[in-house]
PDB file of all heavy atoms in Angstrom:
ATOM      1  N   ASP A   1       1.895  -9.247 -10.866  1.00  0.00           N
ATOM      2  CA  ASP A   1       0.903  -8.377 -11.567  1.00  0.00           C
ATOM      3  C   ASP A   1      -0.338  -8.140 -10.747  1.00  0.00           C
ATOM      4  O   ASP A   1      -1.358  -7.556 -11.224  1.00  0.00           O
ATOM      5  CB  ASP A   1       0.422  -9.133 -12.865  1.00  0.00           C
ATOM      6  CG  ASP A   1       1.595  -9.149 -13.945  1.00  0.00           C
ATOM      7  OD1 ASP A   1       2.424  -8.132 -13.842  1.00  0.00           O
ATOM      8  OD2 ASP A   1       1.585 -10.001 -14.671  1.00  0.00           O
ATOM      9  N   GLY A   2      -0.444  -8.623  -9.448  1.00  0.00           N
ATOM     10  CA  GLY A   2      -1.664  -8.459  -8.685  1.00  0.00           C
ATOM     11  C   GLY A   2      -2.592  -9.716  -8.873  1.00  0.00           C
ATOM     12  O   GLY A   2      -2.506 -10.462  -9.885  1.00  0.00           O
ATOM     13  N   TYR A   3      -3.524  -9.789  -8.018  1.00  0.00           N
ATOM     14  CA  TYR A   3      -4.492 -10.887  -8.003  1.00  0.00           C
ATOM     15  C   TYR A   3      -5.377 -10.679  -9.358  1.00  0.00           C
ATOM     16  O   TYR A   3      -5.747  -9.582  -9.709  1.00  0.00           O
ATOM     17  CB  TYR A   3      -5.507 -10.835  -6.824  1.00  0.00           C
ATOM     18  CG  TYR A   3      -6.453 -11.972  -6.734  1.00  0.00           C
ATOM     19  CD1 TYR A   3      -6.035 -13.305  -6.593  1.00  0.00           C
ATOM     20  CD2 TYR A   3      -7.926 -11.773  -6.941  1.00  0.00           C
ATOM     21  CE1 TYR A   3      -6.801 -14.351  -6.517  1.00  0.00           C
ATOM     22  CE2 TYR A   3      -8.691 -12.756  -6.872  1.00  0.00           C
ATOM     23  CZ  TYR A   3      -8.249 -14.069  -6.634  1.00  0.00           C
ATOM     24  OH  TYR A   3      -9.139 -15.095  -6.615  1.00  0.00           O
ATOM     25  N   LEU A   4      -5.406 -11.775 -10.210  1.00  0.00           N
ATOM     26  CA  LEU A   4      -6.114 -11.789 -11.366  1.00  0.00           C
ATOM     27  C   LEU A   4      -5.429 -10.750 -12.407  1.00  0.00           C
ATOM     28  O   LEU A   4      -6.163 -10.247 -13.207  1.00  0.00           O
ATOM     29  CB  LEU A   4      -7.629 -11.491 -11.320  1.00  0.00           C
ATOM     30  CG  LEU A   4      -8.324 -12.623 -10.408  1.00  0.00           C
ATOM     31  CD1 LEU A   4      -9.873 -12.233 -10.396  1.00  0.00           C
ATOM     32  CD2 LEU A   4      -8.170 -13.959 -11.193  1.00  0.00           C
ATOM     33  N   LYS A   5      -4.237 -10.380 -12.220  1.00  0.00           N
ATOM     34  CA  LYS A   5      -3.521  -9.523 -13.102  1.00  0.00           C
ATOM     35  C   LYS A   5      -4.082  -8.135 -13.094  1.00  0.00           C
ATOM     36  O   LYS A   5      -4.097  -7.445 -14.149  1.00  0.00           O
ATOM     37  CB  LYS A   5      -3.394 -10.100 -14.454  1.00  0.00           C
ATOM     38  CG  LYS A   5      -2.569 -11.390 -14.624  1.00  0.00           C
ATOM     39  CD  LYS A   5      -2.304 -11.855 -15.995  1.00  0.00           C
ATOM     40  CE  LYS A   5      -1.491 -13.042 -16.044  1.00  0.00           C
ATOM     41  NZ  LYS A   5      -1.139 -13.520 -17.419  1.00  0.00           N
ATOM     42  N   MET A   6      -4.699  -7.685 -11.932  1.00  0.00           N
ATOM     43  CA  MET A   6      -5.288  -6.502 -11.913  1.00  0.00           C
ATOM     44  C   MET A   6      -4.456  -5.285 -12.234  1.00  0.00           C
ATOM     45  O   MET A   6      -4.880  -4.191 -12.584  1.00  0.00           O
ATOM     46  CB  MET A   6      -6.190  -6.285 -10.643  1.00  0.00           C
ATOM     47  CG  MET A   6      -5.338  -6.183  -9.410  1.00  0.00           C
ATOM     48  SD  MET A   6      -6.290  -5.592  -7.941  1.00  0.00           S
ATOM     49  CE  MET A   6      -7.369  -7.107  -7.801  1.00  0.00           C
ATOM     50  N   ARG A   7      -3.237  -5.507 -11.906  1.00  0.00           N
ATOM     51  CA  ARG A   7      -2.292  -4.254 -12.011  1.00  0.00           C
ATOM     52  C   ARG A   7      -2.220  -3.923 -13.527  1.00  0.00           C
ATOM     53  O   ARG A   7      -2.018  -2.750 -13.832  1.00  0.00           O
ATOM     54  CB  ARG A   7      -0.941  -4.698 -11.560  1.00  0.00           C
ATOM     55  CG  ARG A   7       0.098  -3.544 -11.249  1.00  0.00           C
ATOM     56  CD  ARG A   7       0.904  -3.735 -10.064  1.00  0.00           C
ATOM     57  NE  ARG A   7       0.049  -3.922  -8.860  1.00  0.00           N
ATOM     58  CZ  ARG A   7       0.155  -5.053  -8.080  1.00  0.00           C
ATOM     59  NH1 ARG A   7       0.744  -6.040  -8.466  1.00  0.00           N
ATOM     60  NH2 ARG A   7      -0.756  -4.987  -7.061  1.00  0.00           N
ATOM     61  N   LYS A   8      -2.419  -4.896 -14.461  1.00  0.00           N
ATOM     62  CA  LYS A   8      -2.330  -4.575 -15.849  1.00  0.00           C
ATOM     63  C   LYS A   8      -3.762  -4.397 -16.449  1.00  0.00           C
ATOM     64  O   LYS A   8      -3.976  -3.582 -17.313  1.00  0.00           O
ATOM     65  CB  LYS A   8      -1.630  -5.724 -16.525  1.00  0.00           C
ATOM     66  CG  LYS A   8      -0.192  -5.852 -16.219  1.00  0.00           C
ATOM     67  CD  LYS A   8       0.474  -6.997 -17.165  1.00  0.00           C
ATOM     68  CE  LYS A   8       2.019  -6.981 -16.978  1.00  0.00           C
ATOM     69  NZ  LYS A   8       2.619  -8.026 -17.624  1.00  0.00           N
ATOM     70  N   LEU A   9      -4.707  -5.115 -15.868  1.00  0.00           N
ATOM     71  CA  LEU A   9      -6.054  -5.158 -16.574  1.00  0.00           C
ATOM     72  C   LEU A   9      -7.114  -4.301 -15.937  1.00  0.00           C
ATOM     73  O   LEU A   9      -8.082  -4.006 -16.533  1.00  0.00           O
ATOM     74  CB  LEU A   9      -6.479  -6.570 -16.570  1.00  0.00           C
ATOM     75  CG  LEU A   9      -5.622  -7.636 -17.153  1.00  0.00           C
ATOM     76  CD1 LEU A   9      -6.187  -9.079 -17.167  1.00  0.00           C
ATOM     77  CD2 LEU A   9      -5.385  -7.268 -18.726  1.00  0.00           C
ATOM     78  N   ALA A  10      -6.859  -3.920 -14.616  1.00  0.00           N
ATOM     79  CA  ALA A  10      -7.874  -3.174 -13.939  1.00  0.00           C
ATOM     80  C   ALA A  10      -7.236  -2.205 -12.985  1.00  0.00           C
ATOM     81  O   ALA A  10      -7.347  -2.492 -11.705  1.00  0.00           O
ATOM     82  CB  ALA A  10      -8.825  -4.063 -13.268  1.00  0.00           C
ATOM     83  N   THR A  11      -6.613  -1.114 -13.364  1.00  0.00           N
ATOM     84  CA  THR A  11      -5.777  -0.292 -12.565  1.00  0.00           C
ATOM     85  C   THR A  11      -6.648   0.444 -11.519  1.00  0.00           C
ATOM     86  O   THR A  11      -6.194   0.717 -10.415  1.00  0.00           O
ATOM     87  CB  THR A  11      -5.049   0.724 -13.366  1.00  0.00           C
ATOM     88  OG1 THR A  11      -5.989   1.504 -14.188  1.00  0.00           O
ATOM     89  CG2 THR A  11      -3.963   0.021 -14.249  1.00  0.00           C
ATOM     90  N   LYS A  12      -7.824   0.742 -11.886  1.00  0.00           N
ATOM     91  CA  LYS A  12      -8.846   1.433 -11.021  1.00  0.00           C
ATOM     92  C   LYS A  12      -9.090   0.495  -9.761  1.00  0.00           C
ATOM     93  O   LYS A  12      -9.224   1.003  -8.640  1.00  0.00           O
ATOM     94  CB  LYS A  12      -9.987   2.042 -11.637  1.00  0.00           C
ATOM     95  CG  LYS A  12      -9.718   3.165 -12.590  1.00  0.00           C
ATOM     96  CD  LYS A  12     -10.981   3.709 -13.191  1.00  0.00           C
ATOM     97  CE  LYS A  12     -10.702   4.986 -14.074  1.00  0.00           C
ATOM     98  NZ  LYS A  12     -11.953   5.415 -14.660  1.00  0.00           N
ATOM     99  N   VAL A  13      -9.355  -0.682 -10.129  1.00  0.00           N
ATOM    100  CA  VAL A  13      -9.644  -1.735  -9.064  1.00  0.00           C
ATOM    101  C   VAL A  13      -8.465  -1.909  -8.163  1.00  0.00           C
ATOM    102  O   VAL A  13      -8.496  -2.085  -7.025  1.00  0.00           O
ATOM    103  CB  VAL A  13     -10.161  -3.082  -9.677  1.00  0.00           C
ATOM    104  CG1 VAL A  13     -10.311  -4.158  -8.658  1.00  0.00           C
ATOM    105  CG2 VAL A  13     -11.409  -2.862 -10.490  1.00  0.00           C
ATOM    106  N   ASP A  14      -7.279  -2.057  -8.807  1.00  0.00           N
ATOM    107  CA  ASP A  14      -6.018  -2.155  -8.050  1.00  0.00           C
ATOM    108  C   ASP A  14      -5.855  -1.039  -7.089  1.00  0.00           C
ATOM    109  O   ASP A  14      -5.545  -1.225  -5.967  1.00  0.00           O
ATOM    110  CB  ASP A  14      -4.933  -2.183  -9.085  1.00  0.00           C
ATOM    111  CG  ASP A  14      -3.548  -2.439  -8.433  1.00  0.00           C
ATOM    112  OD1 ASP A  14      -3.458  -3.107  -7.433  1.00  0.00           O
ATOM    113  OD2 ASP A  14      -2.542  -2.007  -9.034  1.00  0.00           O
ATOM    114  N   ARG A  15      -6.052   0.197  -7.527  1.00  0.00           N
ATOM    115  CA  ARG A  15      -6.032   1.346  -6.668  1.00  0.00           C
ATOM    116  C   ARG A  15      -6.903   1.299  -5.507  1.00  0.00           C
ATOM    117  O   ARG A  15      -6.640   1.510  -4.311  1.00  0.00           O
ATOM    118  CB  ARG A  15      -6.281   2.664  -7.436  1.00  0.00           C
ATOM    119  CG  ARG A  15      -5.580   3.880  -6.882  1.00  0.00           C
ATOM    120  CD  ARG A  15      -6.301   4.456  -5.652  1.00  0.00           C
ATOM    121  NE  ARG A  15      -7.613   4.951  -5.938  1.00  0.00           N
ATOM    122  CZ  ARG A  15      -8.478   5.097  -5.025  1.00  0.00           C
ATOM    123  NH1 ARG A  15      -8.270   4.742  -3.776  1.00  0.00           N
ATOM    124  NH2 ARG A  15      -9.748   5.510  -5.357  1.00  0.00           N
ATOM    125  N   LYS A  16      -8.263   0.902  -5.811  1.00  0.00           N
ATOM    126  CA  LYS A  16      -9.285   0.802  -4.799  1.00  0.00           C
ATOM    127  C   LYS A  16      -8.902  -0.264  -3.686  1.00  0.00           C
ATOM    128  O   LYS A  16      -9.207  -0.002  -2.600  1.00  0.00           O
ATOM    129  CB  LYS A  16     -10.622   0.580  -5.516  1.00  0.00           C
ATOM    130  CG  LYS A  16     -11.804   0.844  -4.677  1.00  0.00           C
ATOM    131  CD  LYS A  16     -11.921   2.416  -4.556  1.00  0.00           C
ATOM    132  CE  LYS A  16     -13.270   2.706  -3.803  1.00  0.00           C
ATOM    133  NZ  LYS A  16     -13.360   4.164  -3.504  1.00  0.00           N
ATOM    134  N   LEU A  17      -8.504  -1.397  -4.117  1.00  0.00           N
ATOM    135  CA  LEU A  17      -8.341  -2.506  -3.232  1.00  0.00           C
ATOM    136  C   LEU A  17      -6.989  -2.417  -2.490  1.00  0.00           C
ATOM    137  O   LEU A  17      -6.918  -2.895  -1.353  1.00  0.00           O
ATOM    138  CB  LEU A  17      -8.352  -3.837  -4.055  1.00  0.00           C
ATOM    139  CG  LEU A  17      -9.641  -4.381  -4.545  1.00  0.00           C
ATOM    140  CD1 LEU A  17      -9.463  -5.629  -5.286  1.00  0.00           C
ATOM    141  CD2 LEU A  17     -10.641  -4.507  -3.341  1.00  0.00           C
ATOM    142  N   ASN A  18      -5.964  -1.804  -3.054  1.00  0.00           N
ATOM    143  CA  ASN A  18      -4.727  -1.846  -2.432  1.00  0.00           C
ATOM    144  C   ASN A  18      -4.033  -0.609  -1.861  1.00  0.00           C
ATOM    145  O   ASN A  18      -3.121  -0.664  -1.151  1.00  0.00           O
ATOM    146  CB  ASN A  18      -3.701  -2.442  -3.527  1.00  0.00           C
ATOM    147  CG  ASN A  18      -4.086  -3.881  -3.809  1.00  0.00           C
ATOM    148  OD1 ASN A  18      -4.285  -4.670  -2.996  1.00  0.00           O
ATOM    149  ND2 ASN A  18      -3.997  -4.292  -5.176  1.00  0.00           N
ATOM    150  N   LEU A  19      -4.598   0.547  -2.132  1.00  0.00           N
ATOM    151  CA  LEU A  19      -3.903   1.766  -1.694  1.00  0.00           C
ATOM    152  C   LEU A  19      -3.860   1.854  -0.197  1.00  0.00           C
ATOM    153  O   LEU A  19      -2.758   1.985   0.349  1.00  0.00           O
ATOM    154  CB  LEU A  19      -4.622   3.004  -2.238  1.00  0.00           C
ATOM    155  CG  LEU A  19      -4.001   4.354  -1.835  1.00  0.00           C
ATOM    156  CD1 LEU A  19      -2.582   4.523  -2.246  1.00  0.00           C
ATOM    157  CD2 LEU A  19      -4.915   5.552  -2.368  1.00  0.00           C
ATOM    158  N   ILE A  20      -4.927   1.721   0.441  1.00  0.00           N
ATOM    159  CA  ILE A  20      -4.865   1.648   2.001  1.00  0.00           C
ATOM    160  C   ILE A  20      -4.028   0.586   2.451  1.00  0.00           C
ATOM    161  O   ILE A  20      -3.230   0.730   3.467  1.00  0.00           O
ATOM    162  CB  ILE A  20      -6.276   1.783   2.660  1.00  0.00           C
ATOM    163  CG1 ILE A  20      -6.908   3.165   2.409  1.00  0.00           C
ATOM    164  CG2 ILE A  20      -6.226   1.378   4.077  1.00  0.00           C
ATOM    165  CD1 ILE A  20      -8.208   3.368   3.160  1.00  0.00           C
ATOM    166  N   GLU A  21      -4.110  -0.619   1.835  1.00  0.00           N
ATOM    167  CA  GLU A  21      -3.421  -1.826   2.265  1.00  0.00           C
ATOM    168  C   GLU A  21      -1.918  -1.457   2.254  1.00  0.00           C
ATOM    169  O   GLU A  21      -1.165  -1.701   3.199  1.00  0.00           O
ATOM    170  CB  GLU A  21      -3.642  -2.977   1.409  1.00  0.00           C
ATOM    171  CG  GLU A  21      -2.848  -4.110   1.553  1.00  0.00           C
ATOM    172  CD  GLU A  21      -3.350  -5.141   2.694  1.00  0.00           C
ATOM    173  OE1 GLU A  21      -4.453  -4.866   3.172  1.00  0.00           O
ATOM    174  OE2 GLU A  21      -2.624  -6.029   3.044  1.00  0.00           O
ATOM    175  N   TYR A  22      -1.474  -0.940   1.153  1.00  0.00           N
ATOM    176  CA  TYR A  22      -0.021  -0.609   1.042  1.00  0.00           C
ATOM    177  C   TYR A  22       0.316   0.485   2.001  1.00  0.00           C
ATOM    178  O   TYR A  22       1.468   0.392   2.677  1.00  0.00           O
ATOM    179  CB  TYR A  22       0.356  -0.085  -0.367  1.00  0.00           C
ATOM    180  CG  TYR A  22       0.179  -1.228  -1.454  1.00  0.00           C
ATOM    181  CD1 TYR A  22       0.147  -0.991  -2.777  1.00  0.00           C
ATOM    182  CD2 TYR A  22      -0.050  -2.644  -1.039  1.00  0.00           C
ATOM    183  CE1 TYR A  22       0.043  -1.989  -3.741  1.00  0.00           C
ATOM    184  CE2 TYR A  22      -0.102  -3.660  -2.012  1.00  0.00           C
ATOM    185  CZ  TYR A  22      -0.133  -3.327  -3.360  1.00  0.00           C
ATOM    186  OH  TYR A  22      -0.320  -4.216  -4.288  1.00  0.00           O
ATOM    187  N   PHE A  23      -0.365   1.599   2.067  1.00  0.00           N
ATOM    188  CA  PHE A  23      -0.059   2.636   2.933  1.00  0.00           C
ATOM    189  C   PHE A  23      -0.008   2.257   4.356  1.00  0.00           C
ATOM    190  O   PHE A  23       1.046   2.524   5.021  1.00  0.00           O
ATOM    191  CB  PHE A  23      -1.115   3.761   2.796  1.00  0.00           C
ATOM    192  CG  PHE A  23      -0.918   4.823   3.920  1.00  0.00           C
ATOM    193  CD1 PHE A  23       0.036   5.805   3.816  1.00  0.00           C
ATOM    194  CD2 PHE A  23      -1.780   4.829   5.057  1.00  0.00           C
ATOM    195  CE1 PHE A  23       0.219   6.777   4.705  1.00  0.00           C
ATOM    196  CE2 PHE A  23      -1.598   5.760   6.045  1.00  0.00           C
ATOM    197  CZ  PHE A  23      -0.622   6.777   5.885  1.00  0.00           C
ATOM    198  N   VAL A  24      -0.972   1.469   4.861  1.00  0.00           N
ATOM    199  CA  VAL A  24      -0.904   1.081   6.201  1.00  0.00           C
ATOM    200  C   VAL A  24       0.279   0.165   6.537  1.00  0.00           C
ATOM    201  O   VAL A  24       0.940   0.307   7.668  1.00  0.00           O
ATOM    202  CB  VAL A  24      -2.296   0.319   6.671  1.00  0.00           C
ATOM    203  CG1 VAL A  24      -2.097  -0.436   7.924  1.00  0.00           C
ATOM    204  CG2 VAL A  24      -3.414   1.367   6.676  1.00  0.00           C
ATOM    205  N   HIS A  25       0.582  -0.758   5.682  1.00  0.00           N
ATOM    206  CA  HIS A  25       1.711  -1.656   5.904  1.00  0.00           C
ATOM    207  C   HIS A  25       3.104  -0.982   5.792  1.00  0.00           C
ATOM    208  O   HIS A  25       4.014  -1.333   6.419  1.00  0.00           O
ATOM    209  CB  HIS A  25       1.618  -2.856   4.947  1.00  0.00           C
ATOM    210  CG  HIS A  25       0.554  -3.818   5.315  1.00  0.00           C
ATOM    211  ND1 HIS A  25       0.201  -4.151   6.602  1.00  0.00           N
ATOM    212  CD2 HIS A  25      -0.212  -4.624   4.564  1.00  0.00           C
ATOM    213  CE1 HIS A  25      -0.804  -5.157   6.692  1.00  0.00           C
ATOM    214  NE2 HIS A  25      -1.097  -5.361   5.422  1.00  0.00           N
ATOM    215  N   ILE A  26       3.175   0.067   4.907  1.00  0.00           N
ATOM    216  CA  ILE A  26       4.372   0.861   5.063  1.00  0.00           C
ATOM    217  C   ILE A  26       4.601   1.502   6.451  1.00  0.00           C
ATOM    218  O   ILE A  26       5.665   1.313   7.046  1.00  0.00           O
ATOM    219  CB  ILE A  26       4.364   2.021   3.961  1.00  0.00           C
ATOM    220  CG1 ILE A  26       4.445   1.435   2.545  1.00  0.00           C
ATOM    221  CG2 ILE A  26       5.521   3.011   4.252  1.00  0.00           C
ATOM    222  CD1 ILE A  26       4.103   2.562   1.442  1.00  0.00           C
ATOM    223  N   GLU A  27       3.569   1.992   6.953  1.00  0.00           N
ATOM    224  CA  GLU A  27       3.631   2.546   8.286  1.00  0.00           C
ATOM    225  C   GLU A  27       3.722   1.606   9.311  1.00  0.00           C
ATOM    226  O   GLU A  27       4.299   1.848  10.474  1.00  0.00           O
ATOM    227  CB  GLU A  27       2.368   3.450   8.481  1.00  0.00           C
ATOM    228  CG  GLU A  27       2.272   4.674   7.482  1.00  0.00           C
ATOM    229  CD  GLU A  27       3.555   5.480   7.331  1.00  0.00           C
ATOM    230  OE1 GLU A  27       4.164   5.731   8.352  1.00  0.00           O
ATOM    231  OE2 GLU A  27       3.924   5.805   6.214  1.00  0.00           O
ATOM    232  N   ASP A  28       3.266   0.356   9.175  1.00  0.00           N
ATOM    233  CA  ASP A  28       3.457  -0.763  10.243  1.00  0.00           C
ATOM    234  C   ASP A  28       4.942  -0.936  10.316  1.00  0.00           C
ATOM    235  O   ASP A  28       5.300  -1.305  11.442  1.00  0.00           O
ATOM    236  CB  ASP A  28       2.792  -2.103   9.714  1.00  0.00           C
ATOM    237  CG  ASP A  28       1.316  -2.091   9.939  1.00  0.00           C
ATOM    238  OD1 ASP A  28       0.813  -1.385  10.758  1.00  0.00           O
ATOM    239  OD2 ASP A  28       0.529  -2.811   9.183  1.00  0.00           O
ATOM    240  N   VAL A  29       5.622  -0.851   9.299  1.00  0.00           N
ATOM    241  CA  VAL A  29       7.167  -1.057   9.348  1.00  0.00           C
ATOM    242  C   VAL A  29       7.750   0.179   9.913  1.00  0.00           C
ATOM    243  O   VAL A  29       8.597   0.187  10.853  1.00  0.00           O
ATOM    244  CB  VAL A  29       7.742  -1.390   8.029  1.00  0.00           C
ATOM    245  CG1 VAL A  29       9.214  -1.558   8.137  1.00  0.00           C
ATOM    246  CG2 VAL A  29       7.189  -2.787   7.437  1.00  0.00           C
ATOM    247  N   ARG A  30       7.477   1.323   9.431  1.00  0.00           N
ATOM    248  CA  ARG A  30       8.173   2.576   9.709  1.00  0.00           C
ATOM    249  C   ARG A  30       7.906   2.945  11.208  1.00  0.00           C
ATOM    250  O   ARG A  30       8.792   3.378  11.992  1.00  0.00           O
ATOM    251  CB  ARG A  30       7.761   3.700   8.829  1.00  0.00           C
ATOM    252  CG  ARG A  30       8.120   3.539   7.286  1.00  0.00           C
ATOM    253  CD  ARG A  30       7.711   4.636   6.479  1.00  0.00           C
ATOM    254  NE  ARG A  30       8.502   5.927   6.879  1.00  0.00           N
ATOM    255  CZ  ARG A  30       8.096   6.898   7.676  1.00  0.00           C
ATOM    256  NH1 ARG A  30       6.836   6.812   8.109  1.00  0.00           N
ATOM    257  NH2 ARG A  30       8.829   7.961   7.850  1.00  0.00           N
ATOM    258  N   ARG A  31       6.655   2.861  11.597  1.00  0.00           N
ATOM    259  CA  ARG A  31       6.211   3.382  12.946  1.00  0.00           C
ATOM    260  C   ARG A  31       6.493   2.341  14.037  1.00  0.00           C
ATOM    261  O   ARG A  31       6.264   2.677  15.299  1.00  0.00           O
ATOM    262  CB  ARG A  31       4.741   3.750  12.933  1.00  0.00           C
ATOM    263  CG  ARG A  31       4.536   4.916  11.866  1.00  0.00           C
ATOM    264  CD  ARG A  31       3.261   5.633  12.006  1.00  0.00           C
ATOM    265  NE  ARG A  31       2.961   6.487  10.733  1.00  0.00           N
ATOM    266  CZ  ARG A  31       2.104   7.509  10.759  1.00  0.00           C
ATOM    267  NH1 ARG A  31       1.376   7.842  11.841  1.00  0.00           N
ATOM    268  NH2 ARG A  31       2.078   8.291   9.696  1.00  0.00           N
ATOM    269  N   ALA A  32       7.096   1.275  13.701  1.00  0.00           N
ATOM    270  CA  ALA A  32       7.490   0.232  14.653  1.00  0.00           C
ATOM    271  C   ALA A  32       8.796   0.559  15.230  1.00  0.00           C
ATOM    272  O   ALA A  32       9.257   0.019  16.152  1.00  0.00           O
ATOM    273  CB  ALA A  32       7.385  -1.057  14.202  1.00  0.00           C
ATOM    274  N   ARG A  33       9.436   1.546  14.618  1.00  0.00           N
ATOM    275  CA  ARG A  33      10.880   1.990  15.002  1.00  0.00           C
ATOM    276  C   ARG A  33      10.655   3.045  16.112  1.00  0.00           C
ATOM    277  O   ARG A  33       9.677   3.800  16.157  1.00  0.00           O
ATOM    278  CB  ARG A  33      11.530   2.571  13.776  1.00  0.00           C
ATOM    279  CG  ARG A  33      11.797   1.512  12.635  1.00  0.00           C
ATOM    280  CD  ARG A  33      12.163   2.110  11.373  1.00  0.00           C
ATOM    281  NE  ARG A  33      12.346   1.111  10.322  1.00  0.00           N
ATOM    282  CZ  ARG A  33      12.339   1.513   9.015  1.00  0.00           C
ATOM    283  NH1 ARG A  33      12.155   2.768   8.664  1.00  0.00           N
ATOM    284  NH2 ARG A  33      12.433   0.531   8.114  1.00  0.00           N
ATOM    285  N   PRO A  34      11.648   3.202  16.916  1.00  0.00           N
ATOM    286  CA  PRO A  34      11.554   4.123  18.011  1.00  0.00           C
ATOM    287  C   PRO A  34      11.419   5.504  17.687  1.00  0.00           C
ATOM    288  O   PRO A  34      10.588   6.284  18.266  1.00  0.00           O
ATOM    289  CB  PRO A  34      12.899   3.864  18.778  1.00  0.00           C
ATOM    290  CG  PRO A  34      13.365   2.507  18.376  1.00  0.00           C
ATOM    291  CD  PRO A  34      12.928   2.287  16.959  1.00  0.00           C
ATOM    292  N   GLU A  35      12.163   5.973  16.714  1.00  0.00           N
ATOM    293  CA  GLU A  35      11.964   7.403  16.215  1.00  0.00           C
ATOM    294  C   GLU A  35      11.479   7.420  14.761  1.00  0.00           C
ATOM    295  O   GLU A  35      12.381   7.386  13.863  1.00  0.00           O
ATOM    296  CB  GLU A  35      13.342   8.117  16.370  1.00  0.00           C
ATOM    297  CG  GLU A  35      13.835   8.142  17.840  1.00  0.00           C
ATOM    298  CD  GLU A  35      15.197   8.907  17.950  1.00  0.00           C
ATOM    299  OE1 GLU A  35      15.625   9.425  17.003  1.00  0.00           O
ATOM    300  OE2 GLU A  35      15.704   8.933  19.110  1.00  0.00           O
ATOM    301  N   TRP A  36      10.232   7.568  14.624  1.00  0.00           N
ATOM    302  CA  TRP A  36       9.671   7.618  13.220  1.00  0.00           C
ATOM    303  C   TRP A  36       9.116   8.948  12.985  1.00  0.00           C
ATOM    304  O   TRP A  36       8.776   9.785  13.932  1.00  0.00           O
ATOM    305  CB  TRP A  36       8.628   6.612  13.010  1.00  0.00           C
ATOM    306  CG  TRP A  36       7.473   6.678  13.954  1.00  0.00           C
ATOM    307  CD1 TRP A  36       7.287   6.057  15.228  1.00  0.00           C
ATOM    308  CD2 TRP A  36       6.259   7.453  13.825  1.00  0.00           C
ATOM    309  NE1 TRP A  36       6.165   6.405  15.789  1.00  0.00           N
ATOM    310  CE2 TRP A  36       5.504   7.321  14.984  1.00  0.00           C
ATOM    311  CE3 TRP A  36       5.796   8.283  12.830  1.00  0.00           C
ATOM    312  CZ2 TRP A  36       4.226   7.792  15.174  1.00  0.00           C
ATOM    313  CZ3 TRP A  36       4.533   8.865  13.002  1.00  0.00           C
ATOM    314  CH2 TRP A  36       3.782   8.735  14.123  1.00  0.00           C
ATOM    315  N   LYS A  37       9.085   9.324  11.738  1.00  0.00           N
ATOM    316  CA  LYS A  37       8.512  10.552  11.267  1.00  0.00           C
ATOM    317  C   LYS A  37       7.379  10.194  10.241  1.00  0.00           C
ATOM    318  O   LYS A  37       7.690   9.382   9.382  1.00  0.00           O
ATOM    319  CB  LYS A  37       9.558  11.472  10.739  1.00  0.00           C
ATOM    320  CG  LYS A  37      10.551  12.002  11.712  1.00  0.00           C
ATOM    321  CD  LYS A  37      11.505  13.090  11.166  1.00  0.00           C
ATOM    322  CE  LYS A  37      12.491  13.439  12.157  1.00  0.00           C
ATOM    323  NZ  LYS A  37      13.468  14.463  11.525  1.00  0.00           N
ATOM    324  N   ALA A  38       6.330  10.913  10.295  1.00  0.00           N
ATOM    325  CA  ALA A  38       5.274  10.792   9.259  1.00  0.00           C
ATOM    326  C   ALA A  38       5.779  11.169   7.936  1.00  0.00           C
ATOM    327  O   ALA A  38       6.463  12.126   7.683  1.00  0.00           O
ATOM    328  CB  ALA A  38       3.998  11.587   9.602  1.00  0.00           C
ATOM    329  N   ARG A  39       5.495  10.356   6.853  1.00  0.00           N
ATOM    330  CA  ARG A  39       5.756  10.692   5.486  1.00  0.00           C
ATOM    331  C   ARG A  39       4.968  11.854   4.981  1.00  0.00           C
ATOM    332  O   ARG A  39       3.745  12.052   5.388  1.00  0.00           O
ATOM    333  CB  ARG A  39       5.485   9.529   4.499  1.00  0.00           C
ATOM    334  CG  ARG A  39       6.541   8.347   4.724  1.00  0.00           C
ATOM    335  CD  ARG A  39       6.325   7.360   3.720  1.00  0.00           C
ATOM    336  NE  ARG A  39       4.937   6.687   3.802  1.00  0.00           N
ATOM    337  CZ  ARG A  39       4.196   6.186   2.747  1.00  0.00           C
ATOM    338  NH1 ARG A  39       4.603   6.432   1.568  1.00  0.00           N
ATOM    339  NH2 ARG A  39       3.054   5.752   2.941  1.00  0.00           N
ATOM    340  N   VAL A  40       5.476  12.577   4.104  1.00  0.00           N
ATOM    341  CA  VAL A  40       4.745  13.663   3.481  1.00  0.00           C
ATOM    342  C   VAL A  40       4.109  13.010   2.111  1.00  0.00           C
ATOM    343  O   VAL A  40       4.902  12.768   1.150  1.00  0.00           O
ATOM    344  CB  VAL A  40       5.560  14.874   3.189  1.00  0.00           C
ATOM    345  CG1 VAL A  40       4.683  15.944   2.401  1.00  0.00           C
ATOM    346  CG2 VAL A  40       6.087  15.426   4.459  1.00  0.00           C
TER     347      VAL A  40
END
């Protein structure tokens, strides 16, 4: 549910704290591969 259950109780805070975190870590996995393409 996220730290302090923010996913249920504070969705705007969840978005603010985690959007870049999630996006960057997705690309950390994808772009470590030899042939990657940027997501749309």
